[in-house]
Amino acid sequence: EVQLVESGGGLVQAGGSLRLSCAASGFSFDEYAIGWFRQAPGKEREGVSCIDASDDSTYYADSVKGRFTISSDSAKNTVYLQMNSLKPEDTAVYYCAGTYGTSSRWYLEPSYYTMWGQGTQVTVSA
């Protein structure tokens, strides 16, 4: 069974940090790109970051560059999102997702992802 399970969300003050984890199972992790997306109430889901597990290339939305870092541990089939200098506008449900065979130009586009986790809430207080 293909599964992506997120963890690590929570409540943090502005300026604080959180690390999200995405544990993958049921597919060949190293052949996929794993992305992090977020969706705030009343807003569309947006791409935050992605890592291509085949070569560890990374991609970031402009809004998180310099603050968030994505990484992977292939031995654990897990992708991490280290979030520093958090802002209230980072508040959202964060999802990890997997895509196979997609051009890197679409790595931050949710519609190109076919596998999704259940999401984890991140709340940043002012």
PDB file of N, CA and C in Angstrom:
ATOM      1  N   GLU A   1       0.840  -1.196   0.000  1.00  0.00           N
ATOM      2  CA  GLU A   1       0.000   0.000   0.000  1.00  0.00           C
ATOM      3  C   GLU A   1       0.877   1.249   0.000  1.00  0.00           C
ATOM      4  N   VAL A   2       0.579   2.142  -0.937  1.00  0.00           N
ATOM      5  CA  VAL A   2       1.318   3.402  -1.021  1.00  0.00           C
ATOM      6  C   VAL A   2       0.847   4.332   0.098  1.00  0.00           C
ATOM      7  N   GLN A   3       1.801   4.846   0.844  1.00  0.00           N
ATOM      8  CA  GLN A   3       1.448   5.752   1.939  1.00  0.00           C
ATOM      9  C   GLN A   3       2.467   6.868   2.079  1.00  0.00           C
ATOM     10  N   LEU A   4       1.961   8.039   2.402  1.00  0.00           N
ATOM     11  CA  LEU A   4       2.779   9.172   2.816  1.00  0.00           C
ATOM     12  C   LEU A   4       2.176   9.672   4.125  1.00  0.00           C
ATOM     13  N   VAL A   5       2.986   9.728   5.166  1.00  0.00           N
ATOM     14  CA  VAL A   5       2.476  10.109   6.479  1.00  0.00           C
ATOM     15  C   VAL A   5       3.302  11.269   7.015  1.00  0.00           C
ATOM     16  N   GLU A   6       2.617  12.401   7.215  1.00  0.00           N
ATOM     17  CA  GLU A   6       3.291  13.589   7.738  1.00  0.00           C
ATOM     18  C   GLU A   6       3.236  13.611   9.265  1.00  0.00           C
ATOM     19  N   SER A   7       4.212  14.259   9.842  1.00  0.00           N
ATOM     20  CA  SER A   7       4.218  14.500  11.283  1.00  0.00           C
ATOM     21  C   SER A   7       5.068  15.729  11.566  1.00  0.00           C
ATOM     22  N   GLY A   8       4.952  16.240  12.790  1.00  0.00           N
ATOM     23  CA  GLY A   8       5.805  17.342  13.204  1.00  0.00           C
ATOM     24  C   GLY A   8       5.146  18.710  13.258  1.00  0.00           C
ATOM     25  N   GLY A   9       3.891  18.794  12.856  1.00  0.00           N
ATOM     26  CA  GLY A   9       3.219  20.080  12.922  1.00  0.00           C
ATOM     27  C   GLY A   9       2.942  20.487  14.362  1.00  0.00           C
ATOM     28  N   GLY A  10       2.478  21.709  14.524  1.00  0.00           N
ATOM     29  CA  GLY A  10       2.163  22.188  15.858  1.00  0.00           C
ATOM     30  C   GLY A  10       1.995  23.685  15.894  1.00  0.00           C
ATOM     31  N   LEU A  11       1.978  24.213  17.117  1.00  0.00           N
ATOM     32  CA  LEU A  11       1.829  25.646  17.354  1.00  0.00           C
ATOM     33  C   LEU A  11       3.175  26.215  17.760  1.00  0.00           C
ATOM     34  N   VAL A  12       3.568  27.298  17.108  1.00  0.00           N
ATOM     35  CA  VAL A  12       4.853  27.927  17.408  1.00  0.00           C
ATOM     36  C   VAL A  12       4.704  29.426  17.293  1.00  0.00           C
ATOM     37  N   GLN A  13       5.504  30.153  18.045  1.00  0.00           N
ATOM     38  CA  GLN A  13       5.483  31.605  17.954  1.00  0.00           C
ATOM     39  C   GLN A  13       6.251  32.075  16.720  1.00  0.00           C
ATOM     40  N   ALA A  14       5.902  33.246  16.250  1.00  0.00           N
ATOM     41  CA  ALA A  14       6.622  33.844  15.121  1.00  0.00           C
ATOM     42  C   ALA A  14       8.113  33.911  15.440  1.00  0.00           C
ATOM     43  N   GLY A  15       8.913  33.553  14.443  1.00  0.00           N
ATOM     44  CA  GLY A  15      10.353  33.502  14.634  1.00  0.00           C
ATOM     45  C   GLY A  15      10.862  32.143  15.052  1.00  0.00           C
ATOM     46  N   GLY A  16       9.966  31.255  15.412  1.00  0.00           N
ATOM     47  CA  GLY A  16      10.344  29.927  15.857  1.00  0.00           C
ATOM     48  C   GLY A  16      10.564  28.965  14.708  1.00  0.00           C
ATOM     49  N   SER A  17      10.789  27.695  15.068  1.00  0.00           N
ATOM     50  CA  SER A  17      11.109  26.670  14.087  1.00  0.00           C
ATOM     51  C   SER A  17      10.283  25.411  14.319  1.00  0.00           C
ATOM     52  N   LEU A  18      10.076  24.686  13.256  1.00  0.00           N
ATOM     53  CA  LEU A  18       9.462  23.365  13.301  1.00  0.00           C
ATOM     54  C   LEU A  18      10.127  22.506  12.239  1.00  0.00           C
ATOM     55  N   ARG A  19      10.140  21.199  12.469  1.00  0.00           N
ATOM     56  CA  ARG A  19      10.606  20.271  11.443  1.00  0.00           C
ATOM     57  C   ARG A  19       9.497  19.279  11.143  1.00  0.00           C
ATOM     58  N   LEU A  20       9.072  19.273   9.894  1.00  0.00           N
ATOM     59  CA  LEU A  20       8.067  18.318   9.447  1.00  0.00           C
ATOM     60  C   LEU A  20       8.757  17.095   8.857  1.00  0.00           C
ATOM     61  N   SER A  21       8.116  15.950   9.038  1.00  0.00           N
ATOM     62  CA  SER A  21       8.609  14.704   8.458  1.00  0.00           C
ATOM     63  C   SER A  21       7.543  14.101   7.568  1.00  0.00           C
ATOM     64  N   CYS A  22       7.984  13.441   6.514  1.00  0.00           N
ATOM     65  CA  CYS A  22       7.086  12.732   5.606  1.00  0.00           C
ATOM     66  C   CYS A  22       7.660  11.338   5.402  1.00  0.00           C
ATOM     67  N   ALA A  23       7.020  10.354   5.994  1.00  0.00           N
ATOM     68  CA  ALA A  23       7.470   8.970   5.873  1.00  0.00           C
ATOM     69  C   ALA A  23       6.748   8.300   4.724  1.00  0.00           C
ATOM     70  N   ALA A  24       7.525   7.765   3.779  1.00  0.00           N
ATOM     71  CA  ALA A  24       6.966   7.160   2.574  1.00  0.00           C
ATOM     72  C   ALA A  24       7.092   5.644   2.632  1.00  0.00           C
ATOM     73  N   SER A  25       6.100   4.959   2.097  1.00  0.00           N
ATOM     74  CA  SER A  25       6.151   3.500   2.030  1.00  0.00           C
ATOM     75  C   SER A  25       5.327   3.020   0.851  1.00  0.00           C
ATOM     76  N   GLY A  26       5.656   1.814   0.378  1.00  0.00           N
ATOM     77  CA  GLY A  26       4.871   1.192  -0.684  1.00  0.00           C
ATOM     78  C   GLY A  26       5.274   1.564  -2.095  1.00  0.00           C
ATOM     79  N   PHE A  27       6.360   2.309  -2.260  1.00  0.00           N
ATOM     80  CA  PHE A  27       6.826   2.636  -3.605  1.00  0.00           C
ATOM     81  C   PHE A  27       8.328   2.883  -3.552  1.00  0.00           C
ATOM     82  N   SER A  28       8.930   2.943  -4.742  1.00  0.00           N
ATOM     83  CA  SER A  28      10.383   3.116  -4.838  1.00  0.00           C
ATOM     84  C   SER A  28      10.738   4.581  -4.607  1.00  0.00           C
ATOM     85  N   PHE A  29      11.053   4.885  -3.394  1.00  0.00           N
ATOM     86  CA  PHE A  29      11.289   6.261  -2.944  1.00  0.00           C
ATOM     87  C   PHE A  29      12.277   7.000  -3.843  1.00  0.00           C
ATOM     88  N   ASP A  30      13.359   6.358  -4.229  1.00  0.00           N
ATOM     89  CA  ASP A  30      14.422   7.035  -4.966  1.00  0.00           C
ATOM     90  C   ASP A  30      14.039   7.402  -6.395  1.00  0.00           C
ATOM     91  N   GLU A  31      12.903   6.949  -6.874  1.00  0.00           N
ATOM     92  CA  GLU A  31      12.473   7.251  -8.242  1.00  0.00           C
ATOM     93  C   GLU A  31      11.478   8.401  -8.297  1.00  0.00           C
ATOM     94  N   TYR A  32      11.150   8.966  -7.151  1.00  0.00           N
ATOM     95  CA  TYR A  32      10.100   9.969  -7.091  1.00  0.00           C
ATOM     96  C   TYR A  32      10.641  11.326  -6.663  1.00  0.00           C
ATOM     97  N   ALA A  33       9.884  12.341  -6.988  1.00  0.00           N
ATOM     98  CA  ALA A  33      10.071  13.655  -6.379  1.00  0.00           C
ATOM     99  C   ALA A  33       9.018  13.790  -5.285  1.00  0.00           C
ATOM    100  N   ILE A  34       9.453  14.260  -4.134  1.00  0.00           N
ATOM    101  CA  ILE A  34       8.554  14.449  -3.002  1.00  0.00           C
ATOM    102  C   ILE A  34       8.446  15.941  -2.718  1.00  0.00           C
ATOM    103  N   GLY A  35       7.235  16.419  -2.697  1.00  0.00           N
ATOM    104  CA  GLY A  35       7.009  17.840  -2.490  1.00  0.00           C
ATOM    105  C   GLY A  35       6.256  18.117  -1.206  1.00  0.00           C
ATOM    106  N   TRP A  36       6.450  19.325  -0.698  1.00  0.00           N
ATOM    107  CA  TRP A  36       5.647  19.830   0.413  1.00  0.00           C
ATOM    108  C   TRP A  36       4.746  20.946  -0.117  1.00  0.00           C
ATOM    109  N   PHE A  37       3.503  20.875   0.270  1.00  0.00           N
ATOM    110  CA  PHE A  37       2.503  21.859  -0.126  1.00  0.00           C
ATOM    111  C   PHE A  37       1.803  22.349   1.118  1.00  0.00           C
ATOM    112  N   ARG A  38       1.125  23.481   1.009  1.00  0.00           N
ATOM    113  CA  ARG A  38       0.362  23.973   2.146  1.00  0.00           C
ATOM    114  C   ARG A  38      -0.918  24.617   1.653  1.00  0.00           C
ATOM    115  N   GLN A  39      -1.897  24.586   2.540  1.00  0.00           N
ATOM    116  CA  GLN A  39      -3.181  25.189   2.215  1.00  0.00           C
ATOM    117  C   GLN A  39      -3.725  25.883   3.449  1.00  0.00           C
ATOM    118  N   ALA A  40      -3.891  27.192   3.332  1.00  0.00           N
ATOM    119  CA  ALA A  40      -4.477  27.992   4.391  1.00  0.00           C
ATOM    120  C   ALA A  40      -5.974  28.102   4.147  1.00  0.00           C
ATOM    121  N   PRO A  41      -6.761  28.366   5.187  1.00  0.00           N
ATOM    122  CA  PRO A  41      -8.212  28.475   5.013  1.00  0.00           C
ATOM    123  C   PRO A  41      -8.573  29.510   3.955  1.00  0.00           C
ATOM    124  N   GLY A  42      -9.430  29.112   3.034  1.00  0.00           N
ATOM    125  CA  GLY A  42      -9.888  30.020   1.999  1.00  0.00           C
ATOM    126  C   GLY A  42      -8.913  30.263   0.873  1.00  0.00           C
ATOM    127  N   LYS A  43      -7.793  29.566   0.899  1.00  0.00           N
ATOM    128  CA  LYS A  43      -6.780  29.754  -0.145  1.00  0.00           C
ATOM    129  C   LYS A  43      -6.526  28.461  -0.895  1.00  0.00           C
ATOM    130  N   GLU A  44      -5.956  28.592  -2.076  1.00  0.00           N
ATOM    131  CA  GLU A  44      -5.600  27.422  -2.851  1.00  0.00           C
ATOM    132  C   GLU A  44      -4.349  26.764  -2.281  1.00  0.00           C
ATOM    133  N   ARG A  45      -4.248  25.464  -2.555  1.00  0.00           N
ATOM    134  CA  ARG A  45      -3.042  24.749  -2.144  1.00  0.00           C
ATOM    135  C   ARG A  45      -1.854  25.263  -2.965  1.00  0.00           C
ATOM    136  N   GLU A  46      -0.733  25.493  -2.290  1.00  0.00           N
ATOM    137  CA  GLU A  46       0.429  26.028  -2.982  1.00  0.00           C
ATOM    138  C   GLU A  46       1.674  25.188  -2.694  1.00  0.00           C
ATOM    139  N   GLY A  47       2.557  25.151  -3.662  1.00  0.00           N
ATOM    140  CA  GLY A  47       3.813  24.439  -3.510  1.00  0.00           C
ATOM    141  C   GLY A  47       4.771  25.212  -2.627  1.00  0.00           C
ATOM    142  N   VAL A  48       5.433  24.497  -1.729  1.00  0.00           N
ATOM    143  CA  VAL A  48       6.389  25.099  -0.813  1.00  0.00           C
ATOM    144  C   VAL A  48       7.814  24.696  -1.190  1.00  0.00           C
ATOM    145  N   SER A  49       8.019  23.396  -1.352  1.00  0.00           N
ATOM    146  CA  SER A  49       9.358  22.900  -1.629  1.00  0.00           C
ATOM    147  C   SER A  49       9.254  21.496  -2.194  1.00  0.00           C
ATOM    148  N   CYS A  50      10.319  21.069  -2.873  1.00  0.00           N
ATOM    149  CA  CYS A  50      10.349  19.733  -3.446  1.00  0.00           C
ATOM    150  C   CYS A  50      11.781  19.237  -3.471  1.00  0.00           C
ATOM    151  N   ILE A  51      11.933  17.917  -3.326  1.00  0.00           N
ATOM    152  CA  ILE A  51      13.237  17.302  -3.484  1.00  0.00           C
ATOM    153  C   ILE A  51      13.086  16.135  -4.449  1.00  0.00           C
ATOM    154  N   ASP A  52      13.972  16.105  -5.428  1.00  0.00           N
ATOM    155  CA  ASP A  52      14.008  14.998  -6.356  1.00  0.00           C
ATOM    156  C   ASP A  52      14.889  13.925  -5.731  1.00  0.00           C
ATOM    157  N   ALA A  53      14.280  12.836  -5.293  1.00  0.00           N
ATOM    158  CA  ALA A  53      15.022  11.830  -4.542  1.00  0.00           C
ATOM    159  C   ALA A  53      16.076  11.122  -5.385  1.00  0.00           C
ATOM    160  N   SER A  54      15.991  11.225  -6.712  1.00  0.00           N
ATOM    161  CA  SER A  54      16.980  10.552  -7.560  1.00  0.00           C
ATOM    162  C   SER A  54      18.335  11.250  -7.538  1.00  0.00           C
ATOM    163  N   ASP A  55      18.322  12.572  -7.330  1.00  0.00           N
ATOM    164  CA  ASP A  55      19.604  13.295  -7.331  1.00  0.00           C
ATOM    165  C   ASP A  55      19.706  14.341  -6.233  1.00  0.00           C
ATOM    166  N   ASP A  56      18.693  14.382  -5.353  1.00  0.00           N
ATOM    167  CA  ASP A  56      18.672  15.322  -4.227  1.00  0.00           C
ATOM    168  C   ASP A  56      18.632  16.790  -4.646  1.00  0.00           C
ATOM    169  N   SER A  57      18.222  17.067  -5.884  1.00  0.00           N
ATOM    170  CA  SER A  57      18.042  18.470  -6.250  1.00  0.00           C
ATOM    171  C   SER A  57      16.822  19.015  -5.516  1.00  0.00           C
ATOM    172  N   THR A  58      16.893  20.276  -5.149  1.00  0.00           N
ATOM    173  CA  THR A  58      15.841  20.871  -4.326  1.00  0.00           C
ATOM    174  C   THR A  58      15.254  22.114  -4.982  1.00  0.00           C
ATOM    175  N   TYR A  59      14.031  22.394  -4.627  1.00  0.00           N
ATOM    176  CA  TYR A  59      13.276  23.498  -5.215  1.00  0.00           C
ATOM    177  C   TYR A  59      12.462  24.166  -4.116  1.00  0.00           C
ATOM    178  N   TYR A  60      12.346  25.493  -4.196  1.00  0.00           N
ATOM    179  CA  TYR A  60      11.647  26.244  -3.164  1.00  0.00           C
ATOM    180  C   TYR A  60      10.773  27.327  -3.777  1.00  0.00           C
ATOM    181  N   ALA A  61       9.653  27.573  -3.134  1.00  0.00           N
ATOM    182  CA  ALA A  61       8.855  28.750  -3.464  1.00  0.00           C
ATOM    183  C   ALA A  61       9.600  29.989  -2.973  1.00  0.00           C
ATOM    184  N   ASP A  62       9.413  31.096  -3.668  1.00  0.00           N
ATOM    185  CA  ASP A  62      10.115  32.328  -3.283  1.00  0.00           C
ATOM    186  C   ASP A  62       9.785  32.735  -1.847  1.00  0.00           C
ATOM    187  N   SER A  63       8.569  32.446  -1.421  1.00  0.00           N
ATOM    188  CA  SER A  63       8.116  32.882  -0.101  1.00  0.00           C
ATOM    189  C   SER A  63       8.836  32.190   1.052  1.00  0.00           C
ATOM    190  N   VAL A  64       9.519  31.071   0.765  1.00  0.00           N
ATOM    191  CA  VAL A  64      10.176  30.324   1.847  1.00  0.00           C
ATOM    192  C   VAL A  64      11.683  30.206   1.649  1.00  0.00           C
ATOM    193  N   LYS A  65      12.196  30.689   0.539  1.00  0.00           N
ATOM    194  CA  LYS A  65      13.636  30.595   0.289  1.00  0.00           C
ATOM    195  C   LYS A  65      14.414  31.274   1.395  1.00  0.00           C
ATOM    196  N   GLY A  66      15.458  30.588   1.856  1.00  0.00           N
ATOM    197  CA  GLY A  66      16.284  31.135   2.925  1.00  0.00           C
ATOM    198  C   GLY A  66      15.756  30.840   4.314  1.00  0.00           C
ATOM    199  N   ARG A  67      14.517  30.364   4.409  1.00  0.00           N
ATOM    200  CA  ARG A  67      13.930  30.042   5.720  1.00  0.00           C
ATOM    201  C   ARG A  67      13.651  28.539   5.880  1.00  0.00           C
ATOM    202  N   PHE A  68      13.248  27.894   4.806  1.00  0.00           N
ATOM    203  CA  PHE A  68      12.914  26.472   4.837  1.00  0.00           C
ATOM    204  C   PHE A  68      14.001  25.673   4.127  1.00  0.00           C
ATOM    205  N   THR A  69      14.238  24.467   4.620  1.00  0.00           N
ATOM    206  CA  THR A  69      15.197  23.565   3.997  1.00  0.00           C
ATOM    207  C   THR A  69      14.584  22.180   3.893  1.00  0.00           C
ATOM    208  N   ILE A  70      14.603  21.626   2.686  1.00  0.00           N
ATOM    209  CA  ILE A  70      14.087  20.278   2.474  1.00  0.00           C
ATOM    210  C   ILE A  70      15.269  19.318   2.374  1.00  0.00           C
ATOM    211  N   SER A  71      15.090  18.119   2.911  1.00  0.00           N
ATOM    212  CA  SER A  71      16.137  17.108   2.844  1.00  0.00           C
ATOM    213  C   SER A  71      15.485  15.735   2.862  1.00  0.00           C
ATOM    214  N   SER A  72      16.282  14.729   2.543  1.00  0.00           N
ATOM    215  CA  SER A  72      15.731  13.371   2.544  1.00  0.00           C
ATOM    216  C   SER A  72      16.726  12.400   3.148  1.00  0.00           C
ATOM    217  N   ASP A  73      16.194  11.337   3.692  1.00  0.00           N
ATOM    218  CA  ASP A  73      16.985  10.230   4.220  1.00  0.00           C
ATOM    219  C   ASP A  73      16.484   8.981   3.510  1.00  0.00           C
ATOM    220  N   SER A  74      17.226   8.541   2.494  1.00  0.00           N
ATOM    221  CA  SER A  74      16.753   7.416   1.691  1.00  0.00           C
ATOM    222  C   SER A  74      16.721   6.124   2.490  1.00  0.00           C
ATOM    223  N   ALA A  75      17.574   5.994   3.481  1.00  0.00           N
ATOM    224  CA  ALA A  75      17.576   4.783   4.308  1.00  0.00           C
ATOM    225  C   ALA A  75      16.276   4.660   5.092  1.00  0.00           C
ATOM    226  N   LYS A  76      15.684   5.799   5.426  1.00  0.00           N
ATOM    227  CA  LYS A  76      14.434   5.815   6.186  1.00  0.00           C
ATOM    228  C   LYS A  76      13.229   6.121   5.313  1.00  0.00           C
ATOM    229  N   ASN A  77      13.452   6.323   4.008  1.00  0.00           N
ATOM    230  CA  ASN A  77      12.351   6.710   3.107  1.00  0.00           C
ATOM    231  C   ASN A  77      11.572   7.891   3.682  1.00  0.00           C
ATOM    232  N   THR A  78      12.292   8.884   4.136  1.00  0.00           N
ATOM    233  CA  THR A  78      11.667  10.018   4.804  1.00  0.00           C
ATOM    234  C   THR A  78      12.212  11.327   4.243  1.00  0.00           C
ATOM    235  N   VAL A  79      11.310  12.263   4.058  1.00  0.00           N
ATOM    236  CA  VAL A  79      11.660  13.611   3.627  1.00  0.00           C
ATOM    237  C   VAL A  79      11.333  14.566   4.768  1.00  0.00           C
ATOM    238  N   TYR A  80      12.221  15.517   4.983  1.00  0.00           N
ATOM    239  CA  TYR A  80      12.040  16.483   6.060  1.00  0.00           C
ATOM    240  C   TYR A  80      11.890  17.896   5.499  1.00  0.00           C
ATOM    241  N   LEU A  81      11.178  18.721   6.225  1.00  0.00           N
ATOM    242  CA  LEU A  81      11.093  20.139   5.909  1.00  0.00           C
ATOM    243  C   LEU A  81      11.411  20.907   7.184  1.00  0.00           C
ATOM    244  N   GLN A  82      12.599  21.461   7.231  1.00  0.00           N
ATOM    245  CA  GLN A  82      13.011  22.288   8.366  1.00  0.00           C
ATOM    246  C   GLN A  82      12.526  23.706   8.098  1.00  0.00           C
ATOM    247  N   MET A  83      11.718  24.212   9.002  1.00  0.00           N
ATOM    248  CA  MET A  83      11.129  25.531   8.832  1.00  0.00           C
ATOM    249  C   MET A  83      11.634  26.453   9.935  1.00  0.00           C
ATOM    250  N   ASN A  84      12.380  27.462   9.540  1.00  0.00           N
ATOM    251  CA  ASN A  84      12.922  28.429  10.479  1.00  0.00           C
ATOM    252  C   ASN A  84      12.317  29.804  10.231  1.00  0.00           C
ATOM    253  N   SER A  85      12.491  30.688  11.192  1.00  0.00           N
ATOM    254  CA  SER A  85      11.992  32.073  11.069  1.00  0.00           C
ATOM    255  C   SER A  85      10.533  32.081  10.614  1.00  0.00           C
ATOM    256  N   LEU A  86       9.735  31.278  11.267  1.00  0.00           N
ATOM    257  CA  LEU A  86       8.336  31.141  10.861  1.00  0.00           C
ATOM    258  C   LEU A  86       7.569  32.439  11.060  1.00  0.00           C
ATOM    259  N   LYS A  87       6.628  32.658  10.155  1.00  0.00           N
ATOM    260  CA  LYS A  87       5.794  33.859  10.162  1.00  0.00           C
ATOM    261  C   LYS A  87       4.330  33.448  10.296  1.00  0.00           C
ATOM    262  N   PRO A  88       3.486  34.329  10.794  1.00  0.00           N
ATOM    263  CA  PRO A  88       2.054  33.987  10.878  1.00  0.00           C
ATOM    264  C   PRO A  88       1.475  33.567   9.533  1.00  0.00           C
ATOM    265  N   GLU A  89       1.971  34.133   8.459  1.00  0.00           N
ATOM    266  CA  GLU A  89       1.457  33.771   7.131  1.00  0.00           C
ATOM    267  C   GLU A  89       1.884  32.376   6.674  1.00  0.00           C
ATOM    268  N   ASP A  90       2.729  31.710   7.443  1.00  0.00           N
ATOM    269  CA  ASP A  90       3.075  30.310   7.159  1.00  0.00           C
ATOM    270  C   ASP A  90       2.034  29.352   7.727  1.00  0.00           C
ATOM    271  N   THR A  91       1.087  29.877   8.485  1.00  0.00           N
ATOM    272  CA  THR A  91       0.037  29.035   9.064  1.00  0.00           C
ATOM    273  C   THR A  91      -0.781  28.365   7.971  1.00  0.00           C
ATOM    274  N   ALA A  92      -0.883  27.046   8.047  1.00  0.00           N
ATOM    275  CA  ALA A  92      -1.595  26.274   7.031  1.00  0.00           C
ATOM    276  C   ALA A  92      -1.552  24.799   7.412  1.00  0.00           C
ATOM    277  N   VAL A  93      -2.317  24.000   6.684  1.00  0.00           N
ATOM    278  CA  VAL A  93      -2.130  22.557   6.722  1.00  0.00           C
ATOM    279  C   VAL A  93      -1.056  22.221   5.693  1.00  0.00           C
ATOM    280  N   TYR A  94      -0.056  21.512   6.133  1.00  0.00           N
ATOM    281  CA  TYR A  94       1.057  21.135   5.264  1.00  0.00           C
ATOM    282  C   TYR A  94       0.909  19.672   4.842  1.00  0.00           C
ATOM    283  N   TYR A  95       1.056  19.455   3.550  1.00  0.00           N
ATOM    284  CA  TYR A  95       0.932  18.126   2.977  1.00  0.00           C
ATOM    285  C   TYR A  95       2.227  17.738   2.271  1.00  0.00           C
ATOM    286  N   CYS A  96       2.578  16.467   2.336  1.00  0.00           N
ATOM    287  CA  CYS A  96       3.620  15.980   1.449  1.00  0.00           C
ATOM    288  C   CYS A  96       2.948  15.145   0.359  1.00  0.00           C
ATOM    289  N   ALA A  97       3.607  15.112  -0.782  1.00  0.00           N
ATOM    290  CA  ALA A  97       3.042  14.436  -1.940  1.00  0.00           C
ATOM    291  C   ALA A  97       4.161  13.899  -2.809  1.00  0.00           C
ATOM    292  N   GLY A  98       3.832  12.901  -3.627  1.00  0.00           N
ATOM    293  CA  GLY A  98       4.823  12.280  -4.496  1.00  0.00           C
ATOM    294  C   GLY A  98       4.409  12.341  -5.949  1.00  0.00           C
ATOM    295  N   THR A  99       5.399  12.502  -6.795  1.00  0.00           N
ATOM    296  CA  THR A  99       5.158  12.505  -8.233  1.00  0.00           C
ATOM    297  C   THR A  99       6.278  11.751  -8.930  1.00  0.00           C
ATOM    298  N   TYR A 100       5.919  11.091 -10.051  1.00  0.00           N
ATOM    299  CA  TYR A 100       6.892  10.284 -10.793  1.00  0.00           C
ATOM    300  C   TYR A 100       6.891  10.722 -12.250  1.00  0.00           C
ATOM    301  N   GLY A 101       8.072  10.921 -12.797  1.00  0.00           N
ATOM    302  CA  GLY A 101       8.186  11.218 -14.219  1.00  0.00           C
ATOM    303  C   GLY A 101       7.760  12.613 -14.627  1.00  0.00           C
ATOM    304  N   THR A 102       7.655  13.499 -13.647  1.00  0.00           N
ATOM    305  CA  THR A 102       7.228  14.875 -13.924  1.00  0.00           C
ATOM    306  C   THR A 102       8.435  15.762 -14.171  1.00  0.00           C
ATOM    307  N   SER A 103       8.313  16.665 -15.128  1.00  0.00           N
ATOM    308  CA  SER A 103       9.391  17.619 -15.366  1.00  0.00           C
ATOM    309  C   SER A 103       9.595  18.491 -14.138  1.00  0.00           C
ATOM    310  N   SER A 104      10.836  18.838 -13.860  1.00  0.00           N
ATOM    311  CA  SER A 104      11.131  19.645 -12.680  1.00  0.00           C
ATOM    312  C   SER A 104      10.454  21.014 -12.728  1.00  0.00           C
ATOM    313  N   ARG A 105      10.086  21.479 -13.912  1.00  0.00           N
ATOM    314  CA  ARG A 105       9.426  22.780 -13.992  1.00  0.00           C
ATOM    315  C   ARG A 105       8.066  22.779 -13.296  1.00  0.00           C
ATOM    316  N   TRP A 106       7.530  21.563 -13.063  1.00  0.00           N
ATOM    317  CA  TRP A 106       6.211  21.454 -12.428  1.00  0.00           C
ATOM    318  C   TRP A 106       6.298  20.951 -10.997  1.00  0.00           C
ATOM    319  N   TYR A 107       7.458  20.944 -10.427  1.00  0.00           N
ATOM    320  CA  TYR A 107       7.622  20.336  -9.108  1.00  0.00           C
ATOM    321  C   TYR A 107       6.870  21.053  -7.997  1.00  0.00           C
ATOM    322  N   LEU A 108       6.508  22.302  -8.189  1.00  0.00           N
ATOM    323  CA  LEU A 108       5.752  23.023  -7.166  1.00  0.00           C
ATOM    324  C   LEU A 108       4.286  23.196  -7.554  1.00  0.00           C
ATOM    325  N   GLU A 109       3.848  22.432  -8.540  1.00  0.00           N
ATOM    326  CA  GLU A 109       2.464  22.491  -9.013  1.00  0.00           C
ATOM    327  C   GLU A 109       1.695  21.297  -8.458  1.00  0.00           C
ATOM    328  N   PRO A 110       0.712  21.523  -7.586  1.00  0.00           N
ATOM    329  CA  PRO A 110       0.016  20.403  -6.929  1.00  0.00           C
ATOM    330  C   PRO A 110      -0.648  19.423  -7.896  1.00  0.00           C
ATOM    331  N   SER A 111      -1.131  19.903  -9.036  1.00  0.00           N
ATOM    332  CA  SER A 111      -1.897  19.041  -9.936  1.00  0.00           C
ATOM    333  C   SER A 111      -1.051  17.942 -10.556  1.00  0.00           C
ATOM    334  N   TYR A 112       0.249  18.026 -10.459  1.00  0.00           N
ATOM    335  CA  TYR A 112       1.128  17.003 -11.038  1.00  0.00           C
ATOM    336  C   TYR A 112       1.460  15.884 -10.049  1.00  0.00           C
ATOM    337  N   TYR A 113       0.913  15.962  -8.862  1.00  0.00           N
ATOM    338  CA  TYR A 113       1.198  14.969  -7.830  1.00  0.00           C
ATOM    339  C   TYR A 113       0.028  13.997  -7.706  1.00  0.00           C
ATOM    340  N   THR A 114       0.361  12.716  -7.574  1.00  0.00           N
ATOM    341  CA  THR A 114      -0.669  11.683  -7.549  1.00  0.00           C
ATOM    342  C   THR A 114      -0.807  11.009  -6.193  1.00  0.00           C
ATOM    343  N   MET A 115       0.173  11.186  -5.325  1.00  0.00           N
ATOM    344  CA  MET A 115       0.102  10.564  -3.997  1.00  0.00           C
ATOM    345  C   MET A 115       0.176  11.675  -2.954  1.00  0.00           C
ATOM    346  N   TRP A 116      -0.713  11.619  -1.975  1.00  0.00           N
ATOM    347  CA  TRP A 116      -0.798  12.663  -0.964  1.00  0.00           C
ATOM    348  C   TRP A 116      -0.907  12.074   0.432  1.00  0.00           C
ATOM    349  N   GLY A 117      -0.305  12.762   1.377  1.00  0.00           N
ATOM    350  CA  GLY A 117      -0.502  12.435   2.773  1.00  0.00           C
ATOM    351  C   GLY A 117      -1.754  13.111   3.305  1.00  0.00           C
ATOM    352  N   GLN A 118      -2.006  12.902   4.588  1.00  0.00           N
ATOM    353  CA  GLN A 118      -3.237  13.407   5.193  1.00  0.00           C
ATOM    354  C   GLN A 118      -3.103  14.841   5.691  1.00  0.00           C
ATOM    355  N   GLY A 119      -1.882  15.331   5.795  1.00  0.00           N
ATOM    356  CA  GLY A 119      -1.652  16.711   6.209  1.00  0.00           C
ATOM    357  C   GLY A 119      -1.359  16.849   7.687  1.00  0.00           C
ATOM    358  N   THR A 120      -0.635  17.903   8.027  1.00  0.00           N
ATOM    359  CA  THR A 120      -0.342  18.225   9.415  1.00  0.00           C
ATOM    360  C   THR A 120      -0.469  19.744   9.589  1.00  0.00           C
ATOM    361  N   GLN A 121      -1.111  20.150  10.679  1.00  0.00           N
ATOM    362  CA  GLN A 121      -1.395  21.566  10.891  1.00  0.00           C
ATOM    363  C   GLN A 121      -0.169  22.278  11.465  1.00  0.00           C
ATOM    364  N   VAL A 122       0.149  23.413  10.863  1.00  0.00           N
ATOM    365  CA  VAL A 122       1.179  24.308  11.386  1.00  0.00           C
ATOM    366  C   VAL A 122       0.519  25.645  11.684  1.00  0.00           C
ATOM    367  N   THR A 123       0.624  26.085  12.915  1.00  0.00           N
ATOM    368  CA  THR A 123       0.043  27.361  13.318  1.00  0.00           C
ATOM    369  C   THR A 123       1.139  28.234  13.915  1.00  0.00           C
ATOM    370  N   VAL A 124       1.297  29.427  13.355  1.00  0.00           N
ATOM    371  CA  VAL A 124       2.318  30.358  13.821  1.00  0.00           C
ATOM    372  C   VAL A 124       1.611  31.564  14.423  1.00  0.00           C
ATOM    373  N   SER A 125       1.814  31.785  15.702  1.00  0.00           N
ATOM    374  CA  SER A 125       1.168  32.898  16.376  1.00  0.00           C
ATOM    375  C   SER A 125       2.054  34.139  16.313  1.00  0.00           C
ATOM    376  N   ALA A 126       1.382  35.291  16.268  1.00  0.00           N
ATOM    377  CA  ALA A 126       2.118  36.552  16.152  1.00  0.00           C
ATOM    378  C   ALA A 126       2.795  36.935  17.473  1.00  0.00           C
TER     379      ALA A 126
END
